[in-house]
Amino acid sequence: MNSYRFSIEWSRVEPSPGEWNEESMRTYSDMVDDPLERGIRPMPTLHHFSHPSWWEEKGGFADERNLVDFLPTRRESSMPCQTGLRSGVRSTSLRYSQRWGTRWGEFPPGRRSIFLTLRVMKNMMRAHSMVYKRLKERSPECKLGIAKNVTLFDPANRWSPIDWPVSRLLEWLWNGAWRRAITRGSMRGSRIPDAKGSLDFVGLNYYTHFITGLFLPTSTEELAFAKRENEVATEFGYPMYAEGMRRAIDFVSELGVPIEITENGVADSDDSMRPEHLMRHLWVISEAIKDGRDVISYHHWSLMDNFEWAEGYKMRFGLFHVDFETQERTLRPSGEIFRDVIKSSSKR
C-alpha cells in the first residue's frame, strides 16, 4: 500500500467562526506526517459532505457570500501543501453531496429544490476554484483535484425514444455540468472562468448505474434501484455493475489529467459479494490502464466499516469488520484478497 485517503473535518478545526482548535490541527498534521514516514502518500480530503453548523446557519454553499469562509486561512497549517505532500483532494463528491442534500433531500440540509441544487452546484465549483487558486499561489508544487462521484444513468427500455432522453438529462445534470465547468469555465449559463483547468488530477468515485424511465425521480425511493435481469443487487439495493467502471474512467479521461480512483466498494455484511466485486472492478481498471487510460491509484471504500451518511452503521463497506461496541477490528476474506493483490503488484 502506498496511498492512504482520509478527511479533514472543518468543524473540528474551526468549531466557531475564527476560533481555531490547535489540538485538532496538530492531529491532522500528524495524520499527514505519519504515513509519509512509512513511505505512504497521504491523500487528505478537505471537504467530504459536512461543514460546521455555524456555516450552514449562514446558508452554507447556497449563499455565494459565504464562500470566503471556505478559503483555507489558518487551516493551512494542517493542510497537505504545508507538509511536503504530493497530492491532496480538495473536495470529495462535489456533485454527490449537493444532489442528495438539495435535490432528493436524502442528506442534510434536506431541502428538495432543483433551483437550490443548481445554485449550490455553481457555488461549490466557485469554492473549488477559489481554493485551487489560493493554494497554488502559495504552494505551486501541491497537486489539487476534485473527487467526483460518477453515477451512470441508463434507460429502462433501451429502444424507447422517451427513456433515452430522460437518462441523458439525468447524466448531464449529475456528471456533464461539472465536467463542462472544468473544461470550459461555465455552468448552466453562469461563467466561472477560474474553474477552467483547475485540476491537477481527478478523483473518481464509482459504485453503480441507475436505471431510469419516463418520469424523472423526485426521491431516492422513486429511483428504486432497478436492475437488469442479469444483475445482482447489493445490500444497498443498487446493482453490481463493474462494466460501468470503464465508462466512468472514459468519462473523466476527457479532462486530460491523471485519474485516482478515490472510492469503489460495496455494502456486504457477510463478505459474500465483496471478493467478486473487488476483483471484477480491479480487472476493469487494469484493462483501462492497458488501453492507455492514466489511472494512477485505487482506494477501496472502505478500509473499515464506517458510519454511512443516511444509513448509519447498518451498511458495512469495510475490508475490516468493526464491532462498534468493542471497536474490535477483524480482517475479512476480501481484505486478505486485496492485501495479496497489493503485495503482488508491489513486486512488479
Protein backbone atom coordinates (compact mmCIF):
# COMPACT_ATOMS: atom_id res chain seq x y z
CA MET A 1 0.00 0.00 0.00
CA ASN A 2 1.45 3.36 -0.97
CA SER A 3 -1.51 5.73 -0.54
CA TYR A 4 -3.98 6.46 2.26
CA ARG A 5 -7.01 8.72 1.92
CA PHE A 6 -8.73 10.43 4.84
CA SER A 7 -10.84 13.53 5.55
CA ILE A 8 -10.17 16.75 7.43
CA GLU A 9 -13.30 17.81 9.32
CA TRP A 10 -13.67 21.58 9.11
CA SER A 11 -15.86 21.81 12.23
CA ARG A 12 -13.12 20.22 14.35
CA VAL A 13 -10.53 22.71 13.11
CA GLU A 14 -12.79 25.78 13.29
CA PRO A 15 -15.66 24.94 15.71
CA SER A 16 -16.79 28.58 15.77
CA PRO A 17 -16.10 31.42 13.31
CA GLY A 18 -12.48 32.47 13.79
CA GLU A 19 -11.92 30.01 16.66
CA TRP A 20 -9.10 27.61 15.80
CA ASN A 21 -8.62 24.30 17.57
CA GLU A 22 -4.85 23.89 17.80
CA GLU A 23 -5.09 20.29 19.03
CA SER A 24 -7.19 19.24 16.04
CA MET A 25 -4.80 20.94 13.64
CA ARG A 26 -1.86 19.10 15.21
CA THR A 27 -3.76 15.82 14.95
CA TYR A 28 -4.41 16.28 11.25
CA SER A 29 -0.83 17.37 10.69
CA ASP A 30 0.31 14.14 12.35
CA MET A 31 -2.09 12.17 10.13
CA VAL A 32 -0.18 13.59 7.17
CA ASP A 33 3.31 13.16 8.63
CA ASP A 34 2.93 9.61 10.00
CA PRO A 35 2.12 7.93 6.66
CA LEU A 36 4.93 9.91 4.98
CA GLU A 37 7.41 8.45 7.47
CA ARG A 38 6.23 4.98 6.42
CA GLY A 39 6.53 5.65 2.72
CA ILE A 40 2.77 6.03 2.29
CA ARG A 41 1.33 9.00 0.42
CA PRO A 42 -1.42 10.68 2.47
CA MET A 43 -4.40 11.96 0.48
CA PRO A 44 -6.38 14.38 2.65
CA THR A 45 -9.90 15.32 1.62
CA LEU A 46 -10.71 18.90 2.57
CA HIS A 47 -14.48 18.62 2.19
CA HIS A 48 -16.47 15.38 2.36
CA PHE A 49 -20.15 16.32 2.70
CA SER A 50 -20.02 18.01 6.10
CA HIS A 51 -19.22 21.52 7.26
CA PRO A 52 -19.72 23.42 10.54
CA SER A 53 -23.27 24.03 11.73
CA TRP A 54 -22.45 27.73 12.16
CA TRP A 55 -21.64 27.90 8.44
CA GLU A 56 -24.82 26.05 7.46
CA GLU A 57 -26.84 28.51 9.57
CA LYS A 58 -25.42 31.26 7.34
CA GLY A 59 -26.64 29.38 4.28
CA GLY A 60 -23.56 27.31 3.50
CA PHE A 61 -22.96 26.77 -0.21
CA ALA A 62 -26.38 28.19 -1.04
CA ASP A 63 -25.09 31.74 -0.47
CA GLU A 64 -22.16 32.87 -2.62
CA ARG A 65 -21.18 35.43 0.03
CA ASN A 66 -20.19 32.57 2.33
CA LEU A 67 -17.51 31.20 0.04
CA VAL A 68 -14.82 33.44 1.53
CA ASP A 69 -15.19 31.39 4.75
CA PHE A 70 -14.35 28.24 2.82
CA LEU A 71 -10.92 29.54 1.81
CA PRO A 72 -8.14 27.98 3.91
CA THR A 73 -6.57 30.51 6.24
CA ARG A 74 -5.13 29.16 9.46
CA ARG A 75 -6.37 25.74 8.38
CA GLU A 76 -3.40 25.72 6.03
CA SER A 77 -1.09 24.86 8.93
CA SER A 78 -2.61 21.37 8.91
CA MET A 79 -3.14 21.22 5.18
CA PRO A 80 -1.25 18.90 2.84
CA CYS A 81 0.53 21.66 0.93
CA GLN A 82 2.31 22.77 4.10
CA THR A 83 3.86 19.36 4.79
CA GLY A 84 5.51 18.44 1.52
CA LEU A 85 2.61 16.29 0.37
CA ARG A 86 2.41 15.49 -3.34
CA SER A 87 -1.38 15.21 -3.69
CA GLY A 88 -4.36 16.48 -1.72
CA VAL A 89 -8.01 16.11 -2.65
CA ARG A 90 -9.85 19.40 -2.30
CA SER A 91 -13.40 18.17 -2.31
CA THR A 92 -14.90 14.73 -2.31
CA SER A 93 -18.13 14.02 -4.17
CA LEU A 94 -18.69 17.58 -5.28
CA ARG A 95 -21.93 16.71 -7.04
CA TYR A 96 -23.00 13.87 -4.82
CA SER A 97 -23.28 15.93 -1.66
CA GLN A 98 -25.47 18.64 -3.12
CA ARG A 99 -27.63 16.18 -5.08
CA TRP A 100 -28.66 14.14 -2.07
CA GLY A 101 -28.97 17.18 0.17
CA THR A 102 -30.85 19.60 -2.08
CA ARG A 103 -32.28 17.55 -4.95
CA TRP A 104 -33.68 14.46 -3.24
CA GLY A 105 -33.46 15.58 0.41
CA GLU A 106 -31.69 12.41 1.49
CA PHE A 107 -28.86 14.23 3.31
CA PRO A 108 -28.76 17.49 5.27
CA PRO A 109 -29.95 20.15 4.76
CA GLY A 110 -32.84 18.09 3.37
CA ARG A 111 -34.31 20.86 1.20
CA ARG A 112 -35.65 19.46 -2.05
CA SER A 113 -35.34 22.06 -4.78
CA ILE A 114 -33.89 21.78 -8.27
CA PHE A 115 -33.21 25.52 -8.29
CA LEU A 116 -31.35 25.37 -5.00
CA THR A 117 -29.44 22.36 -6.32
CA LEU A 118 -28.24 24.30 -9.34
CA ARG A 119 -27.22 27.27 -7.19
CA VAL A 120 -25.26 25.04 -4.82
CA MET A 121 -23.61 23.28 -7.78
CA LYS A 122 -22.32 26.58 -9.09
CA ASN A 123 -21.17 27.82 -5.70
CA MET A 124 -19.32 24.59 -4.93
CA MET A 125 -17.49 24.95 -8.22
CA ARG A 126 -16.70 28.59 -7.39
CA ALA A 127 -15.42 27.49 -3.97
CA HIS A 128 -13.19 24.85 -5.54
CA SER A 129 -11.81 27.40 -8.00
CA MET A 130 -11.04 29.86 -5.20
CA VAL A 131 -9.27 27.25 -3.07
CA TYR A 132 -7.33 25.90 -6.04
CA LYS A 133 -6.09 29.38 -6.94
CA ARG A 134 -5.18 30.26 -3.34
CA LEU A 135 -3.26 27.07 -2.60
CA LYS A 136 -1.45 27.01 -5.95
CA GLU A 137 -0.29 30.60 -5.42
CA ARG A 138 1.24 29.63 -2.08
CA SER A 139 2.44 26.12 -2.96
CA PRO A 140 2.71 25.64 -6.75
CA GLU A 141 4.08 22.13 -6.27
CA CYS A 142 0.96 20.92 -4.47
CA LYS A 143 -1.35 18.68 -6.52
CA LEU A 144 -5.03 19.51 -6.11
CA GLY A 145 -8.18 17.99 -7.53
CA ILE A 146 -11.81 17.06 -7.06
CA ALA A 147 -13.16 13.60 -6.31
CA LYS A 148 -16.30 13.21 -8.41
CA ASN A 149 -18.99 10.63 -7.78
CA VAL A 150 -19.75 9.46 -11.32
CA THR A 151 -23.06 7.61 -11.40
CA LEU A 152 -24.25 6.37 -14.76
CA PHE A 153 -27.85 6.55 -15.95
CA ASP A 154 -29.24 4.03 -18.41
CA PRO A 155 -32.74 3.84 -19.93
CA ALA A 156 -35.10 1.17 -18.62
CA ASN A 157 -36.06 0.41 -22.21
CA ARG A 158 -33.02 0.51 -24.45
CA TRP A 159 -35.20 1.10 -27.51
CA SER A 160 -37.52 3.73 -26.03
CA PRO A 161 -37.32 7.20 -27.63
CA ILE A 162 -38.62 8.57 -24.30
CA ASP A 163 -36.41 6.72 -21.80
CA TRP A 164 -33.20 7.71 -23.59
CA PRO A 165 -33.69 11.50 -23.23
CA VAL A 166 -34.54 11.07 -19.54
CA SER A 167 -31.35 9.11 -18.86
CA ARG A 168 -29.24 11.59 -20.86
CA LEU A 169 -30.73 14.53 -18.96
CA LEU A 170 -30.01 12.97 -15.58
CA GLU A 171 -26.48 12.04 -16.58
CA TRP A 172 -25.82 15.56 -17.79
CA LEU A 173 -27.12 17.07 -14.54
CA TRP A 174 -25.13 14.62 -12.41
CA ASN A 175 -21.94 14.44 -14.44
CA GLY A 176 -21.90 16.60 -17.54
CA ALA A 177 -22.45 20.04 -16.00
CA TRP A 178 -19.50 19.52 -13.68
CA ARG A 179 -17.16 18.43 -16.47
CA ARG A 180 -18.23 21.37 -18.61
CA ALA A 181 -17.26 23.76 -15.80
CA ILE A 182 -13.76 22.27 -15.65
CA THR A 183 -13.25 22.21 -19.42
CA ARG A 184 -15.00 25.45 -20.41
CA GLY A 185 -15.34 27.58 -17.28
CA SER A 186 -19.13 27.77 -17.40
CA MET A 187 -22.04 26.02 -15.74
CA ARG A 188 -25.73 26.36 -16.54
CA GLY A 189 -25.43 29.83 -18.05
CA SER A 190 -23.04 31.14 -15.40
CA ARG A 191 -19.43 31.97 -16.14
CA ILE A 192 -16.91 30.52 -13.69
CA PRO A 193 -13.69 31.26 -15.58
CA ASP A 194 -11.33 30.21 -12.78
CA ALA A 195 -12.83 26.72 -12.84
CA LYS A 196 -11.35 26.02 -16.26
CA GLY A 197 -8.34 23.76 -15.88
CA SER A 198 -8.47 23.84 -12.06
CA LEU A 199 -7.42 20.20 -11.68
CA ASP A 200 -4.02 18.56 -11.35
CA PHE A 201 -5.74 15.18 -11.14
CA VAL A 202 -9.32 13.95 -10.95
CA GLY A 203 -10.61 11.64 -8.24
CA LEU A 204 -13.20 9.13 -9.42
CA ASN A 205 -15.79 7.64 -7.09
CA TYR A 206 -17.70 4.84 -8.80
CA TYR A 207 -20.36 2.49 -7.43
CA THR A 208 -23.14 1.69 -9.90
CA HIS A 209 -25.60 2.84 -12.54
CA PHE A 210 -29.25 3.85 -12.20
CA ILE A 211 -31.98 2.56 -14.48
CA THR A 212 -34.36 5.37 -15.42
CA GLY A 213 -37.69 5.61 -17.22
CA LEU A 214 -40.27 8.09 -18.38
CA PHE A 215 -40.77 10.03 -15.16
CA LEU A 216 -37.94 11.94 -13.53
CA PRO A 217 -37.37 10.67 -9.98
CA THR A 218 -38.16 13.06 -7.14
CA SER A 219 -36.72 10.88 -4.37
CA THR A 220 -34.27 8.03 -3.89
CA GLU A 221 -37.23 5.71 -3.33
CA GLU A 222 -38.51 6.51 -6.80
CA LEU A 223 -35.15 5.60 -8.26
CA ALA A 224 -35.99 2.17 -6.81
CA PHE A 225 -32.52 0.90 -7.71
CA ALA A 226 -33.92 -1.07 -10.63
CA LYS A 227 -31.55 -3.61 -12.16
CA ARG A 228 -31.17 -5.55 -15.35
CA GLU A 229 -32.28 -9.16 -15.42
CA ASN A 230 -28.71 -10.49 -15.20
CA GLU A 231 -27.52 -8.10 -12.47
CA VAL A 232 -27.16 -8.85 -8.77
CA ALA A 233 -28.35 -6.34 -6.17
CA THR A 234 -26.03 -5.24 -3.37
CA GLU A 235 -27.23 -4.81 0.22
CA PHE A 236 -27.63 -1.12 -0.52
CA GLY A 237 -30.10 -2.08 -3.24
CA TYR A 238 -28.28 -0.84 -6.31
CA PRO A 239 -26.86 -3.40 -8.76
CA MET A 240 -23.26 -4.51 -9.07
CA TYR A 241 -22.21 -3.13 -12.45
CA ALA A 242 -18.46 -3.45 -12.78
CA GLU A 243 -18.57 -2.73 -16.50
CA GLY A 244 -19.62 0.80 -15.64
CA MET A 245 -16.22 1.47 -14.09
CA ARG A 246 -14.75 1.59 -17.59
CA ARG A 247 -17.44 4.01 -18.75
CA ALA A 248 -16.72 6.22 -15.74
CA ILE A 249 -12.97 6.12 -16.38
CA ASP A 250 -13.51 7.04 -20.03
CA PHE A 251 -15.77 9.91 -18.96
CA VAL A 252 -13.22 11.57 -16.66
CA SER A 253 -10.36 10.79 -19.07
CA GLU A 254 -11.71 13.60 -21.24
CA LEU A 255 -10.31 16.03 -18.65
CA GLY A 256 -6.77 15.12 -19.68
CA VAL A 257 -5.35 14.74 -16.15
CA PRO A 258 -4.26 11.68 -14.13
CA ILE A 259 -7.10 9.65 -12.58
CA GLU A 260 -7.13 8.49 -8.97
CA ILE A 261 -9.87 6.00 -8.06
CA THR A 262 -10.86 7.61 -4.77
CA GLU A 263 -13.85 5.39 -3.92
CA ASN A 264 -15.13 2.00 -5.03
CA GLY A 265 -16.71 -0.65 -2.86
CA VAL A 266 -19.85 -2.49 -1.83
CA ALA A 267 -22.08 -2.86 1.25
CA ASP A 268 -21.76 -6.56 2.14
CA SER A 269 -22.11 -7.54 5.79
CA ASP A 270 -21.19 -11.22 5.33
CA ASP A 271 -18.47 -10.61 2.73
CA SER A 272 -20.14 -12.93 0.22
CA MET A 273 -20.16 -10.43 -2.67
CA ARG A 274 -17.16 -8.21 -1.94
CA PRO A 275 -14.43 -10.59 -3.20
CA GLU A 276 -16.08 -10.84 -6.63
CA HIS A 277 -16.95 -7.14 -6.63
CA LEU A 278 -13.36 -6.21 -5.83
CA MET A 279 -11.73 -8.47 -8.41
CA ARG A 280 -14.15 -7.56 -11.21
CA HIS A 281 -13.59 -3.84 -10.71
CA LEU A 282 -9.82 -4.23 -10.43
CA TRP A 283 -9.82 -6.22 -13.68
CA VAL A 284 -11.81 -3.48 -15.46
CA ILE A 285 -9.35 -0.87 -14.18
CA SER A 286 -6.35 -2.94 -15.30
CA GLU A 287 -7.82 -3.25 -18.79
CA ALA A 288 -8.37 0.51 -18.92
CA ILE A 289 -4.72 1.06 -17.98
CA LYS A 290 -3.61 -1.36 -20.70
CA ASP A 291 -5.66 0.72 -23.15
CA GLY A 292 -3.79 3.86 -22.16
CA ARG A 293 -6.02 5.40 -19.51
CA ASP A 294 -3.91 7.29 -16.96
CA VAL A 295 -5.20 5.63 -13.78
CA ILE A 296 -2.54 6.06 -11.09
CA SER A 297 -4.20 4.80 -7.88
CA TYR A 298 -7.07 2.81 -6.39
CA HIS A 299 -8.61 3.50 -2.96
CA HIS A 300 -11.15 0.95 -1.76
CA TRP A 301 -14.23 2.16 0.11
CA SER A 302 -13.65 1.46 2.80
CA LEU A 303 -10.81 0.22 4.96
CA MET A 304 -13.13 -0.35 7.93
CA ASP A 305 -16.88 -0.46 8.47
CA ASN A 306 -17.95 3.13 8.93
CA PHE A 307 -20.89 5.44 9.54
CA GLU A 308 -22.77 5.82 6.26
CA TRP A 309 -24.35 9.26 5.92
CA ALA A 310 -28.04 8.32 5.55
CA GLU A 311 -27.85 4.65 6.55
CA GLY A 312 -25.94 4.79 9.82
CA TYR A 313 -23.94 1.69 10.77
CA LYS A 314 -26.10 -0.92 9.05
CA MET A 315 -24.34 -0.74 5.68
CA ARG A 316 -20.92 -2.35 6.02
CA PHE A 317 -18.36 -1.43 3.38
CA GLY A 318 -15.15 -2.32 5.23
CA LEU A 319 -12.35 -4.68 4.36
CA PHE A 320 -12.18 -4.89 8.16
CA HIS A 321 -15.26 -5.85 10.16
CA VAL A 322 -15.77 -3.49 13.10
CA ASP A 323 -17.59 -4.41 16.31
CA PHE A 324 -18.95 -0.96 17.14
CA GLU A 325 -19.43 -1.84 20.82
CA THR A 326 -15.89 -3.08 21.48
CA GLN A 327 -14.15 -1.40 18.48
CA GLU A 328 -12.52 -4.75 17.70
CA ARG A 329 -11.49 -4.96 14.04
CA THR A 330 -11.20 -8.18 12.08
CA LEU A 331 -9.83 -8.54 8.56
CA ARG A 332 -12.41 -10.03 6.22
CA PRO A 333 -11.53 -12.57 3.47
CA SER A 334 -11.93 -9.78 0.90
CA GLY A 335 -9.33 -7.80 2.84
CA GLU A 336 -6.94 -10.73 2.54
CA ILE A 337 -7.54 -10.80 -1.22
CA PHE A 338 -6.86 -7.08 -1.51
CA ARG A 339 -3.73 -7.45 0.62
CA ASP A 340 -2.46 -10.17 -1.73
CA VAL A 341 -3.22 -8.03 -4.79
CA ILE A 342 -1.23 -5.16 -3.28
CA LYS A 343 1.69 -7.46 -2.46
CA SER A 344 1.79 -8.96 -5.95
CA SER A 345 1.55 -5.53 -7.58
CA SER A 346 4.41 -4.13 -5.48
CA LYS A 347 6.72 -6.90 -6.73
CA ARG A 348 6.29 -5.94 -10.39
